[in-house]
Amino acid sequence: MKYKRIFLIVLDSLGIGNARDAERFDDLGADTFLHIAEKRPDMKIPNLESLGIGSLKAMPGIRPVEAPAAYCLKLNEASNGKDTMTGHWEMMGLLTEKPFITFTEHGFPPELIRELEERTGRKVIGNKAASGTGILDELAEEQIRDGSMIVYTSADSVLQICGHEDNAVFGLSELYRCCEIARDITMKDEWKVGRVIARPYIGMKKGEFRRTANRHDYAVKPFGRTVLNVLKDAGFSVIAIGKINDIFVGEGITEAMHSESSVHGMEQTIQVAAEKDFEGLCFVNLVDFDALWGHRRDPFGYADEIERFDRLLGELMPLLREDDLLMLTADHGNDPTYKGTDHTREQVPLLVYSPAIGGGILPEQESFAVIGASIAENFSVEMPVGSIGKSLLLMLS
């Protein structure tokens, strides 16, 4: 069967247990979904249960079903990494063999910081690995006093800059200007991070600082063509919701929607399903699972986010037509009960649902790229030269 509209929703970081090579990444024992369920066995997720998430993997409090409404399987990541860009790019056919550079241990090199200060005209403070909320409590008052620029990183391959949204203090346009300069500087091979991220905030004193939804990611462009490119070139719609447009730097996107939260992203997806008669792909990233709860090691907040998603999933599913296909997956893990604050190398779930087909448990696959390959086959477009992945469509009936 061919589908007119495909909805691909990425629950950012909702891994489902050890990848086969988890030990190589020092992540042996990480299991995002399981450990959240152990902390919150009273989690209410009836729609995910009906699709078969509890039949794919036994987890406390999550009900398995004899006849899942979706086809359910686990995916291993073939790329050498465990970050957002690596995961999403692999979904669309790109295999990343060289991981993006990180600066977790000592911060960014003095030469990089010096060039950033000279070109922006602002002093850098921070320059270390830190949590997004912790760095504000530590340094935001200093930034407000002297107009300096808070620069920090994390376990990911990122350079993040905090700026107050008030133009009298720093301002969004100034924050974006500084990030564009930082992105240009970090295109050098020895400093090439995957993303430069603008992190605006509000508040005037410690305890009141709060990051806003005006975050913007300046990512490295994909190093090759993806399934998104061939879809767009063939005249199909590629609607990006959330940070998908940032992750692919607009490559292969025909329409982009900024989301203020994961709830907002699902509301936008529901609106697209209800109102847009397009042919092609609606590609959605729901970042709050990762940014708000995984990195902050908060399994209870993470569980609440899963419940919010499930309620909105219950609104989306009745809107799906016979020729619609829904794919739910993740891009990596981020176990909120695990050591540190980094992503975790895990398998991810893939739930594939349509009102026109049945469900069941399928064999696990060796790459996230089965997603892009299935989408390409559905729309009868050729996978880009050099891409990876084999379609699952023949398994769906």
Foldseek 3Di string as FASTA:
>chain_A
DFFFEEEEEAAAFQFAAAAPCQVVVVFHPFGAVQVLCVVPLCQDQVQVQLQAPCVADPHRNRDGDPFRQWAKAWAAAPADDFDDLQLVQQQFFDHHHDAFDADAPQFDDPVLQVQLCVVLVAHEPDRHADAPLVQCLVPVLVQQVPVHWYWYGHPAQEIEIEDECDVVRQHDVSLVVSQVVSCVSQVPPVRPGFWYKYWYWYDNHRPGIDTFLPMAIQGDAPPDDGLLQQCVVVPFAEEEEDCPCNSNVNRSHDHYDHARALLRSLVVVQCCLQPPPGGAYYYYYGCCLQRVDLLQLNSVVNSVVSSSVSVSVVSRQVSADQSYKYKYKYRFHRRSPDPHRDTGRHIMMIIIHHPNFTYDYDYYYHHSNLNSQQRCVSVVTDGDPPGDHHHPVVVID
